[in-house]
Amino acid sequence: MNRSRGLFVVFAAVVFTLGAAAPAAAVPSPQDASFLIGIHQANLYEIAAGNLAAQKGASEEVRRLGQQIAADHTQFDAAVVAVADQVKVTLPAKPAQEQQDVLKELAAMPTGPSFDQMWITREIETQGESLQSARTELNFGFDPRVKELARQADDMLITHVTDLNRAAADVNAG
């Protein structure tokens, strides 16, 4: 009986030592994972919406902004995907259903001033939602890599919203 107890203690010590030598991979916080998934879906939406504006915009400013927004979100999404891979967060392959519905609505609109107004309005809304998400991550996120993405998103989105508000004034004046 004493011998089996001794073997158990040795076995337990070996298991404990092996467990300590190979810790489980850190799991991202729910906030960090949620931000990565949400901002990736927003990027996918913004790339598609920007490309639509570049093709269908009636005004030169809407076409230019569409190209810029698509390019910025394409570049930013590459960084999002890289960090998501590092922290082991699986990203969806397409925008959220609500975003897909807006894309369908935009695609169905004829080219013209009404498209420009609708696109700008939707962009101000969606960029604002992404900005709020980035600020939530900055305040409540944990992983410094994910928080750095949120800081980069904040800067990019402020620029986009400023440009969109300026374009809205131009489109509504014209």
N, C-alpha and C. Protein backbone atom coordinates (compact mmCIF):
# COMPACT_ATOMS: atom_id res chain seq x y z
N MET A 1 0.82 -1.18 0.00
CA MET A 1 0.00 0.00 0.00
C MET A 1 0.87 1.25 0.00
N ASN A 2 1.93 1.24 0.74
CA ASN A 2 2.85 2.36 0.81
C ASN A 2 3.53 2.59 -0.53
N ARG A 3 3.89 1.44 -1.17
CA ARG A 3 4.58 1.54 -2.45
C ARG A 3 3.67 2.16 -3.53
N SER A 4 2.41 1.76 -3.61
CA SER A 4 1.50 2.33 -4.61
C SER A 4 1.27 3.81 -4.34
N ARG A 5 1.25 4.18 -3.08
CA ARG A 5 1.10 5.60 -2.74
C ARG A 5 2.31 6.39 -3.21
N GLY A 6 3.49 5.83 -3.08
CA GLY A 6 4.72 6.48 -3.53
C GLY A 6 4.74 6.62 -5.04
N LEU A 7 4.30 5.58 -5.75
CA LEU A 7 4.26 5.67 -7.21
C LEU A 7 3.27 6.75 -7.67
N PHE A 8 2.15 6.85 -6.97
CA PHE A 8 1.17 7.87 -7.30
C PHE A 8 1.77 9.27 -7.15
N VAL A 9 2.51 9.49 -6.08
CA VAL A 9 3.14 10.80 -5.82
C VAL A 9 4.14 11.11 -6.93
N VAL A 10 4.96 10.11 -7.33
CA VAL A 10 5.93 10.31 -8.40
C VAL A 10 5.19 10.59 -9.71
N PHE A 11 4.14 9.82 -10.00
CA PHE A 11 3.35 10.02 -11.21
C PHE A 11 2.74 11.42 -11.23
N ALA A 12 2.16 11.83 -10.13
CA ALA A 12 1.56 13.16 -10.03
C ALA A 12 2.61 14.24 -10.22
N ALA A 13 3.79 14.06 -9.69
CA ALA A 13 4.86 15.05 -9.85
C ALA A 13 5.29 15.15 -11.31
N VAL A 14 5.36 14.02 -12.02
CA VAL A 14 5.74 14.02 -13.43
C VAL A 14 4.67 14.73 -14.25
N VAL A 15 3.41 14.43 -14.01
CA VAL A 15 2.32 15.07 -14.74
C VAL A 15 2.33 16.57 -14.48
N PHE A 16 2.52 16.98 -13.24
CA PHE A 16 2.55 18.39 -12.89
C PHE A 16 3.71 19.09 -13.60
N THR A 17 4.87 18.45 -13.60
CA THR A 17 6.04 19.04 -14.23
C THR A 17 5.84 19.17 -15.74
N LEU A 18 5.30 18.16 -16.38
CA LEU A 18 5.04 18.23 -17.81
C LEU A 18 4.03 19.32 -18.12
N GLY A 19 3.01 19.44 -17.31
CA GLY A 19 2.00 20.47 -17.51
C GLY A 19 2.60 21.85 -17.37
N ALA A 20 3.51 22.03 -16.42
CA ALA A 20 4.13 23.33 -16.22
C ALA A 20 5.10 23.65 -17.35
N ALA A 21 5.72 22.63 -17.92
CA ALA A 21 6.69 22.86 -18.99
C ALA A 21 6.01 23.20 -20.30
N ALA A 22 4.77 22.77 -20.48
CA ALA A 22 4.05 23.03 -21.73
C ALA A 22 2.70 23.65 -21.43
N PRO A 23 2.71 24.98 -21.10
CA PRO A 23 1.44 25.61 -20.76
C PRO A 23 0.54 25.70 -21.99
N ALA A 24 -0.74 25.71 -21.73
CA ALA A 24 -1.72 25.84 -22.82
C ALA A 24 -1.55 27.21 -23.47
N ALA A 25 -1.84 27.28 -24.76
CA ALA A 25 -1.75 28.55 -25.47
C ALA A 25 -2.74 29.53 -24.86
N ALA A 26 -2.31 30.78 -24.75
CA ALA A 26 -3.18 31.81 -24.18
C ALA A 26 -4.39 32.00 -25.10
N VAL A 27 -5.53 32.07 -24.50
CA VAL A 27 -6.77 32.27 -25.23
C VAL A 27 -7.05 33.77 -25.25
N PRO A 28 -7.40 34.33 -26.42
CA PRO A 28 -7.69 35.76 -26.44
C PRO A 28 -8.94 36.06 -25.61
N SER A 29 -8.96 37.26 -25.06
CA SER A 29 -10.14 37.66 -24.29
C SER A 29 -11.34 37.74 -25.22
N PRO A 30 -12.55 37.59 -24.67
CA PRO A 30 -13.75 37.74 -25.52
C PRO A 30 -13.80 39.12 -26.20
N GLN A 31 -13.35 40.16 -25.51
CA GLN A 31 -13.33 41.50 -26.10
C GLN A 31 -12.40 41.55 -27.30
N ASP A 32 -11.18 41.02 -27.13
CA ASP A 32 -10.21 41.04 -28.23
C ASP A 32 -10.71 40.23 -29.43
N ALA A 33 -11.24 39.04 -29.17
CA ALA A 33 -11.76 38.19 -30.25
C ALA A 33 -12.93 38.88 -30.95
N SER A 34 -13.83 39.46 -30.18
CA SER A 34 -14.99 40.14 -30.75
C SER A 34 -14.56 41.30 -31.63
N PHE A 35 -13.58 42.07 -31.18
CA PHE A 35 -13.10 43.19 -31.98
C PHE A 35 -12.50 42.70 -33.29
N LEU A 36 -11.65 41.68 -33.22
CA LEU A 36 -11.02 41.16 -34.44
C LEU A 36 -12.05 40.68 -35.45
N ILE A 37 -13.03 39.94 -34.99
CA ILE A 37 -14.07 39.42 -35.88
C ILE A 37 -14.90 40.58 -36.46
N GLY A 38 -15.32 41.49 -35.60
CA GLY A 38 -16.15 42.61 -36.05
C GLY A 38 -15.43 43.54 -36.99
N ILE A 39 -14.18 43.85 -36.71
CA ILE A 39 -13.46 44.80 -37.57
C ILE A 39 -13.11 44.13 -38.89
N HIS A 40 -12.88 42.82 -38.87
CA HIS A 40 -12.63 42.11 -40.13
C HIS A 40 -13.88 42.15 -41.01
N GLN A 41 -15.04 41.87 -40.42
CA GLN A 41 -16.28 41.93 -41.20
C GLN A 41 -16.53 43.35 -41.70
N ALA A 42 -16.24 44.34 -40.87
CA ALA A 42 -16.39 45.74 -41.30
C ALA A 42 -15.45 46.04 -42.46
N ASN A 43 -14.22 45.54 -42.39
CA ASN A 43 -13.28 45.75 -43.49
C ASN A 43 -13.80 45.13 -44.78
N LEU A 44 -14.32 43.90 -44.69
CA LEU A 44 -14.86 43.25 -45.89
C LEU A 44 -16.00 44.07 -46.48
N TYR A 45 -16.85 44.58 -45.62
CA TYR A 45 -17.96 45.43 -46.07
C TYR A 45 -17.42 46.69 -46.72
N GLU A 46 -16.49 47.38 -46.05
CA GLU A 46 -15.97 48.66 -46.54
C GLU A 46 -15.24 48.50 -47.88
N ILE A 47 -14.55 47.40 -48.06
CA ILE A 47 -13.87 47.14 -49.33
C ILE A 47 -14.92 47.03 -50.44
N ALA A 48 -15.95 46.24 -50.20
CA ALA A 48 -17.01 46.07 -51.21
C ALA A 48 -17.78 47.37 -51.45
N ALA A 49 -18.13 48.07 -50.38
CA ALA A 49 -18.88 49.33 -50.52
C ALA A 49 -18.03 50.39 -51.21
N GLY A 50 -16.75 50.44 -50.88
CA GLY A 50 -15.86 51.39 -51.53
C GLY A 50 -15.73 51.11 -53.02
N ASN A 51 -15.62 49.84 -53.37
CA ASN A 51 -15.54 49.47 -54.79
C ASN A 51 -16.83 49.82 -55.53
N LEU A 52 -17.97 49.64 -54.87
CA LEU A 52 -19.24 50.04 -55.48
C LEU A 52 -19.26 51.55 -55.76
N ALA A 53 -18.81 52.33 -54.79
CA ALA A 53 -18.80 53.79 -54.96
C ALA A 53 -17.83 54.19 -56.07
N ALA A 54 -16.70 53.51 -56.15
CA ALA A 54 -15.73 53.82 -57.20
C ALA A 54 -16.32 53.56 -58.58
N GLN A 55 -17.19 52.57 -58.68
CA GLN A 55 -17.80 52.22 -59.96
C GLN A 55 -19.07 53.02 -60.25
N LYS A 56 -19.90 53.24 -59.22
CA LYS A 56 -21.23 53.80 -59.45
C LYS A 56 -21.39 55.26 -59.03
N GLY A 57 -20.39 55.82 -58.37
CA GLY A 57 -20.52 57.19 -57.89
C GLY A 57 -20.75 58.16 -59.02
N ALA A 58 -21.69 59.07 -58.81
CA ALA A 58 -21.96 60.09 -59.83
C ALA A 58 -20.94 61.21 -59.73
N SER A 59 -20.52 61.53 -58.52
CA SER A 59 -19.55 62.62 -58.34
C SER A 59 -18.13 62.06 -58.28
N GLU A 60 -17.20 62.86 -58.73
CA GLU A 60 -15.79 62.48 -58.68
C GLU A 60 -15.35 62.25 -57.23
N GLU A 61 -15.87 63.05 -56.32
CA GLU A 61 -15.49 62.92 -54.91
C GLU A 61 -15.94 61.57 -54.33
N VAL A 62 -17.12 61.12 -54.65
CA VAL A 62 -17.61 59.82 -54.17
C VAL A 62 -16.77 58.69 -54.77
N ARG A 63 -16.46 58.79 -56.05
CA ARG A 63 -15.61 57.76 -56.67
C ARG A 63 -14.22 57.74 -56.04
N ARG A 64 -13.65 58.92 -55.80
CA ARG A 64 -12.33 59.00 -55.18
C ARG A 64 -12.34 58.45 -53.76
N LEU A 65 -13.35 58.85 -52.99
CA LEU A 65 -13.47 58.35 -51.60
C LEU A 65 -13.69 56.85 -51.57
N GLY A 66 -14.49 56.35 -52.48
CA GLY A 66 -14.72 54.91 -52.55
C GLY A 66 -13.42 54.16 -52.77
N GLN A 67 -12.61 54.64 -53.71
CA GLN A 67 -11.31 54.00 -53.97
C GLN A 67 -10.41 54.06 -52.74
N GLN A 68 -10.38 55.24 -52.09
CA GLN A 68 -9.51 55.41 -50.93
C GLN A 68 -9.95 54.52 -49.77
N ILE A 69 -11.24 54.48 -49.51
CA ILE A 69 -11.75 53.65 -48.41
C ILE A 69 -11.48 52.18 -48.68
N ALA A 70 -11.72 51.73 -49.91
CA ALA A 70 -11.44 50.33 -50.24
C ALA A 70 -9.96 50.01 -50.07
N ALA A 71 -9.10 50.90 -50.52
CA ALA A 71 -7.65 50.67 -50.39
C ALA A 71 -7.22 50.67 -48.93
N ASP A 72 -7.70 51.63 -48.14
CA ASP A 72 -7.32 51.70 -46.72
C ASP A 72 -7.77 50.46 -45.97
N HIS A 73 -9.00 50.03 -46.21
CA HIS A 73 -9.52 48.86 -45.49
C HIS A 73 -8.87 47.56 -45.96
N THR A 74 -8.47 47.50 -47.22
CA THR A 74 -7.74 46.33 -47.71
C THR A 74 -6.40 46.21 -46.99
N GLN A 75 -5.69 47.32 -46.92
CA GLN A 75 -4.39 47.33 -46.24
C GLN A 75 -4.56 47.02 -44.75
N PHE A 76 -5.53 47.65 -44.11
CA PHE A 76 -5.74 47.44 -42.68
C PHE A 76 -6.17 46.00 -42.40
N ASP A 77 -6.99 45.43 -43.27
CA ASP A 77 -7.45 44.07 -43.03
C ASP A 77 -6.31 43.07 -43.07
N ALA A 78 -5.29 43.33 -43.87
CA ALA A 78 -4.12 42.44 -43.88
C ALA A 78 -3.49 42.38 -42.49
N ALA A 79 -3.42 43.51 -41.82
CA ALA A 79 -2.88 43.54 -40.45
C ALA A 79 -3.82 42.83 -39.48
N VAL A 80 -5.12 43.00 -39.66
CA VAL A 80 -6.10 42.32 -38.80
C VAL A 80 -5.97 40.81 -38.94
N VAL A 81 -5.88 40.33 -40.16
CA VAL A 81 -5.76 38.89 -40.41
C VAL A 81 -4.47 38.35 -39.78
N ALA A 82 -3.39 39.09 -39.90
CA ALA A 82 -2.11 38.64 -39.33
C ALA A 82 -2.20 38.52 -37.81
N VAL A 83 -2.78 39.50 -37.15
CA VAL A 83 -2.91 39.44 -35.69
C VAL A 83 -3.89 38.34 -35.29
N ALA A 84 -4.98 38.20 -36.01
CA ALA A 84 -5.94 37.13 -35.69
C ALA A 84 -5.26 35.77 -35.78
N ASP A 85 -4.41 35.58 -36.78
CA ASP A 85 -3.65 34.33 -36.89
C ASP A 85 -2.75 34.13 -35.68
N GLN A 86 -2.09 35.18 -35.25
CA GLN A 86 -1.18 35.10 -34.09
C GLN A 86 -1.91 34.71 -32.82
N VAL A 87 -3.10 35.27 -32.62
CA VAL A 87 -3.84 35.02 -31.37
C VAL A 87 -4.86 33.90 -31.52
N LYS A 88 -4.86 33.25 -32.69
CA LYS A 88 -5.71 32.08 -32.93
C LYS A 88 -7.20 32.39 -32.89
N VAL A 89 -7.59 33.47 -33.56
CA VAL A 89 -9.00 33.81 -33.72
C VAL A 89 -9.38 33.52 -35.17
N THR A 90 -10.39 32.70 -35.36
CA THR A 90 -10.87 32.36 -36.70
C THR A 90 -11.80 33.47 -37.18
N LEU A 91 -11.48 34.00 -38.35
CA LEU A 91 -12.26 35.10 -38.91
C LEU A 91 -13.27 34.59 -39.94
N PRO A 92 -14.44 35.23 -40.01
CA PRO A 92 -15.44 34.83 -41.00
C PRO A 92 -14.99 35.22 -42.41
N ALA A 93 -15.58 34.58 -43.39
CA ALA A 93 -15.19 34.79 -44.79
C ALA A 93 -15.96 35.93 -45.45
N LYS A 94 -17.00 36.43 -44.80
CA LYS A 94 -17.79 37.49 -45.43
C LYS A 94 -18.34 38.44 -44.38
N PRO A 95 -18.83 39.59 -44.85
CA PRO A 95 -19.43 40.55 -43.90
C PRO A 95 -20.64 39.94 -43.18
N ALA A 96 -21.03 40.59 -42.11
CA ALA A 96 -22.24 40.18 -41.38
C ALA A 96 -23.45 40.31 -42.30
N GLN A 97 -24.51 39.58 -42.00
CA GLN A 97 -25.71 39.58 -42.85
C GLN A 97 -26.26 40.98 -43.06
N GLU A 98 -26.32 41.77 -42.02
CA GLU A 98 -26.83 43.14 -42.15
C GLU A 98 -25.98 43.94 -43.13
N GLN A 99 -24.66 43.75 -43.07
CA GLN A 99 -23.77 44.45 -44.00
C GLN A 99 -23.99 43.95 -45.43
N GLN A 100 -24.20 42.65 -45.58
CA GLN A 100 -24.48 42.11 -46.92
C GLN A 100 -25.78 42.69 -47.49
N ASP A 101 -26.77 42.87 -46.61
CA ASP A 101 -28.04 43.45 -47.05
C ASP A 101 -27.85 44.89 -47.55
N VAL A 102 -27.03 45.66 -46.85
CA VAL A 102 -26.77 47.04 -47.28
C VAL A 102 -26.03 47.03 -48.61
N LEU A 103 -25.08 46.12 -48.77
CA LEU A 103 -24.36 46.03 -50.05
C LEU A 103 -25.31 45.72 -51.20
N LYS A 104 -26.26 44.82 -50.96
CA LYS A 104 -27.25 44.49 -52.00
C LYS A 104 -28.09 45.72 -52.34
N GLU A 105 -28.48 46.46 -51.31
CA GLU A 105 -29.28 47.66 -51.51
C GLU A 105 -28.49 48.70 -52.33
N LEU A 106 -27.23 48.89 -51.99
CA LEU A 106 -26.39 49.84 -52.73
C LEU A 106 -26.19 49.38 -54.18
N ALA A 107 -25.94 48.09 -54.36
CA ALA A 107 -25.71 47.56 -55.71
C ALA A 107 -26.96 47.72 -56.59
N ALA A 108 -28.14 47.66 -55.99
CA ALA A 108 -29.39 47.76 -56.75
C ALA A 108 -29.73 49.20 -57.13
N MET A 109 -29.11 50.16 -56.47
CA MET A 109 -29.42 51.57 -56.76
C MET A 109 -28.82 51.99 -58.09
N PRO A 110 -29.55 52.79 -58.84
CA PRO A 110 -28.96 53.31 -60.09
C PRO A 110 -27.88 54.35 -59.79
N THR A 111 -26.96 54.46 -60.72
CA THR A 111 -25.93 55.49 -60.60
C THR A 111 -26.60 56.86 -60.64
N GLY A 112 -26.13 57.75 -59.79
CA GLY A 112 -26.68 59.10 -59.77
C GLY A 112 -26.55 59.72 -58.41
N PRO A 113 -27.07 60.93 -58.25
CA PRO A 113 -26.96 61.64 -56.98
C PRO A 113 -27.61 60.89 -55.80
N SER A 114 -28.68 60.14 -56.06
CA SER A 114 -29.31 59.40 -54.96
C SER A 114 -28.40 58.28 -54.46
N PHE A 115 -27.65 57.65 -55.38
CA PHE A 115 -26.67 56.66 -54.94
C PHE A 115 -25.61 57.33 -54.07
N ASP A 116 -25.09 58.46 -54.53
CA ASP A 116 -24.04 59.16 -53.78
C ASP A 116 -24.52 59.50 -52.37
N GLN A 117 -25.72 60.04 -52.26
CA GLN A 117 -26.24 60.41 -50.94
C GLN A 117 -26.43 59.19 -50.05
N MET A 118 -26.98 58.13 -50.62
CA MET A 118 -27.19 56.93 -49.82
C MET A 118 -25.85 56.33 -49.40
N TRP A 119 -24.90 56.25 -50.31
CA TRP A 119 -23.59 55.67 -49.99
C TRP A 119 -22.90 56.47 -48.88
N ILE A 120 -22.91 57.79 -49.01
CA ILE A 120 -22.27 58.63 -47.98
C ILE A 120 -22.96 58.43 -46.64
N THR A 121 -24.29 58.43 -46.63
CA THR A 121 -25.03 58.24 -45.37
C THR A 121 -24.68 56.91 -44.73
N ARG A 122 -24.70 55.84 -45.52
CA ARG A 122 -24.37 54.50 -45.00
C ARG A 122 -22.93 54.45 -44.51
N GLU A 123 -22.03 55.09 -45.25
CA GLU A 123 -20.62 55.09 -44.85
C GLU A 123 -20.40 55.82 -43.54
N ILE A 124 -21.03 56.95 -43.37
CA ILE A 124 -20.89 57.68 -42.11
C ILE A 124 -21.37 56.80 -40.96
N GLU A 125 -22.48 56.09 -41.16
CA GLU A 125 -23.01 55.19 -40.12
C GLU A 125 -22.04 54.04 -39.83
N THR A 126 -21.60 53.35 -40.88
CA THR A 126 -20.78 52.16 -40.67
C THR A 126 -19.39 52.51 -40.16
N GLN A 127 -18.82 53.59 -40.67
CA GLN A 127 -17.50 54.01 -40.18
C GLN A 127 -17.63 54.44 -38.70
N GLY A 128 -18.74 55.08 -38.36
CA GLY A 128 -18.97 55.47 -36.97
C GLY A 128 -19.11 54.27 -36.04
N GLU A 129 -19.80 53.23 -36.52
CA GLU A 129 -19.93 52.00 -35.72
C GLU A 129 -18.56 51.35 -35.51
N SER A 130 -17.74 51.32 -36.55
CA SER A 130 -16.40 50.75 -36.42
C SER A 130 -15.54 51.59 -35.48
N LEU A 131 -15.70 52.91 -35.54
CA LEU A 131 -14.97 53.79 -34.65
C LEU A 131 -15.34 53.51 -33.19
N GLN A 132 -16.61 53.32 -32.93
CA GLN A 132 -17.05 52.99 -31.57
C GLN A 132 -16.46 51.65 -31.12
N SER A 133 -16.43 50.69 -32.01
CA SER A 133 -15.85 49.38 -31.70
C SER A 133 -14.37 49.50 -31.38
N ALA A 134 -13.65 50.31 -32.15
CA ALA A 134 -12.22 50.52 -31.89
C ALA A 134 -12.01 51.16 -30.53
N ARG A 135 -12.83 52.11 -30.19
CA ARG A 135 -12.68 52.79 -28.89
C ARG A 135 -13.04 51.87 -27.73
N THR A 136 -13.99 50.98 -27.94
CA THR A 136 -14.31 49.98 -26.91
C THR A 136 -13.11 49.07 -26.70
N GLU A 137 -12.49 48.64 -27.80
CA GLU A 137 -11.29 47.80 -27.69
C GLU A 137 -10.17 48.54 -26.98
N LEU A 138 -9.97 49.80 -27.31
CA LEU A 138 -8.92 50.57 -26.64
C LEU A 138 -9.15 50.66 -25.13
N ASN A 139 -10.40 50.78 -24.74
CA ASN A 139 -10.73 50.91 -23.31
C ASN A 139 -10.79 49.58 -22.57
N PHE A 140 -11.20 48.51 -23.24
CA PHE A 140 -11.48 47.26 -22.54
C PHE A 140 -10.72 46.05 -23.06
N GLY A 141 -9.93 46.22 -24.12
CA GLY A 141 -9.16 45.11 -24.67
C GLY A 141 -7.97 44.76 -23.79
N PHE A 142 -7.37 43.60 -24.06
CA PHE A 142 -6.25 43.12 -23.25
C PHE A 142 -4.97 42.96 -24.05
N ASP A 143 -5.06 42.33 -25.20
CA ASP A 143 -3.86 42.01 -25.97
C ASP A 143 -3.30 43.29 -26.60
N PRO A 144 -2.03 43.61 -26.36
CA PRO A 144 -1.46 44.84 -26.91
C PRO A 144 -1.46 44.88 -28.44
N ARG A 145 -1.35 43.73 -29.09
CA ARG A 145 -1.38 43.70 -30.56
C ARG A 145 -2.76 44.09 -31.07
N VAL A 146 -3.79 43.61 -30.41
CA VAL A 146 -5.16 43.92 -30.83
C VAL A 146 -5.47 45.39 -30.52
N LYS A 147 -5.00 45.86 -29.38
CA LYS A 147 -5.22 47.27 -29.02
C LYS A 147 -4.50 48.20 -30.00
N GLU A 148 -3.34 47.79 -30.49
CA GLU A 148 -2.63 48.60 -31.49
C GLU A 148 -3.44 48.67 -32.78
N LEU A 149 -4.06 47.57 -33.16
CA LEU A 149 -4.96 47.60 -34.33
C LEU A 149 -6.10 48.59 -34.11
N ALA A 150 -6.65 48.58 -32.90
CA ALA A 150 -7.74 49.50 -32.58
C ALA A 150 -7.28 50.95 -32.68
N ARG A 151 -6.06 51.24 -32.25
CA ARG A 151 -5.52 52.60 -32.36
C ARG A 151 -5.38 52.99 -33.83
N GLN A 152 -4.87 52.07 -34.64
CA GLN A 152 -4.73 52.33 -36.08
C GLN A 152 -6.10 52.54 -36.73
N ALA A 153 -7.06 51.71 -36.34
CA ALA A 153 -8.42 51.84 -36.87
C ALA A 153 -9.00 53.20 -36.50
N ASP A 154 -8.80 53.61 -35.26
CA ASP A 154 -9.31 54.89 -34.78
C ASP A 154 -8.81 56.02 -35.68
N ASP A 155 -7.52 56.05 -35.94
CA ASP A 155 -6.94 57.10 -36.79
C ASP A 155 -7.53 57.07 -38.20
N MET A 156 -7.59 55.89 -38.80
CA MET A 156 -8.10 55.74 -40.16
C MET A 156 -9.58 56.14 -40.24
N LEU A 157 -10.36 55.69 -39.27
CA LEU A 157 -11.80 55.94 -39.31
C LEU A 157 -12.14 57.41 -39.08
N ILE A 158 -11.38 58.08 -38.24
CA ILE A 158 -11.61 59.52 -38.04
C ILE A 158 -11.37 60.26 -39.35
N THR A 159 -10.31 59.89 -40.05
CA THR A 159 -10.03 60.51 -41.35
C THR A 159 -11.17 60.24 -42.32
N HIS A 160 -11.65 59.00 -42.37
CA HIS A 160 -12.74 58.66 -43.29
C HIS A 160 -14.02 59.44 -42.96
N VAL A 161 -14.39 59.49 -41.69
CA VAL A 161 -15.62 60.19 -41.31
C VAL A 161 -15.51 61.68 -41.64
N THR A 162 -14.35 62.26 -41.40
CA THR A 162 -14.14 63.68 -41.74
C THR A 162 -14.30 63.90 -43.24
N ASP A 163 -13.67 63.04 -44.04
CA ASP A 163 -13.77 63.15 -45.49
C ASP A 163 -15.20 62.92 -45.97
N LEU A 164 -15.89 61.97 -45.36
CA LEU A 164 -17.28 61.69 -45.75
C LEU A 164 -18.20 62.84 -45.40
N ASN A 165 -18.01 63.46 -44.26
CA ASN A 165 -18.84 64.61 -43.89
C ASN A 165 -18.60 65.78 -44.85
N ARG A 166 -17.37 65.98 -45.26
CA ARG A 166 -17.06 67.01 -46.24
C ARG A 166 -17.73 66.68 -47.58
N ALA A 167 -17.65 65.43 -47.99
CA ALA A 167 -18.28 65.02 -49.25
C ALA A 167 -19.80 65.16 -49.16
N ALA A 168 -20.37 64.85 -48.01
CA ALA A 168 -21.82 65.00 -47.84
C ALA A 168 -22.25 66.44 -48.05
N ALA A 169 -21.47 67.36 -47.51
CA ALA A 169 -21.79 68.79 -47.70
C ALA A 169 -21.71 69.17 -49.18
N ASP A 170 -20.70 68.65 -49.88
CA ASP A 170 -20.54 68.95 -51.31
C ASP A 170 -21.68 68.34 -52.13
N VAL A 171 -22.01 67.08 -51.85
CA VAL A 171 -23.06 66.38 -52.62
C VAL A 171 -24.42 67.02 -52.36
N ASN A 172 -24.70 67.35 -51.11
CA ASN A 172 -25.99 67.97 -50.79
C ASN A 172 -26.10 69.40 -51.33
N ALA A 173 -24.96 70.07 -51.45
CA ALA A 173 -24.96 71.44 -52.00
C ALA A 173 -25.16 71.40 -53.51
N GLY A 174 -24.71 70.29 -54.13
CA GLY A 174 -24.79 70.21 -55.60
C GLY A 174 -26.02 69.58 -56.03
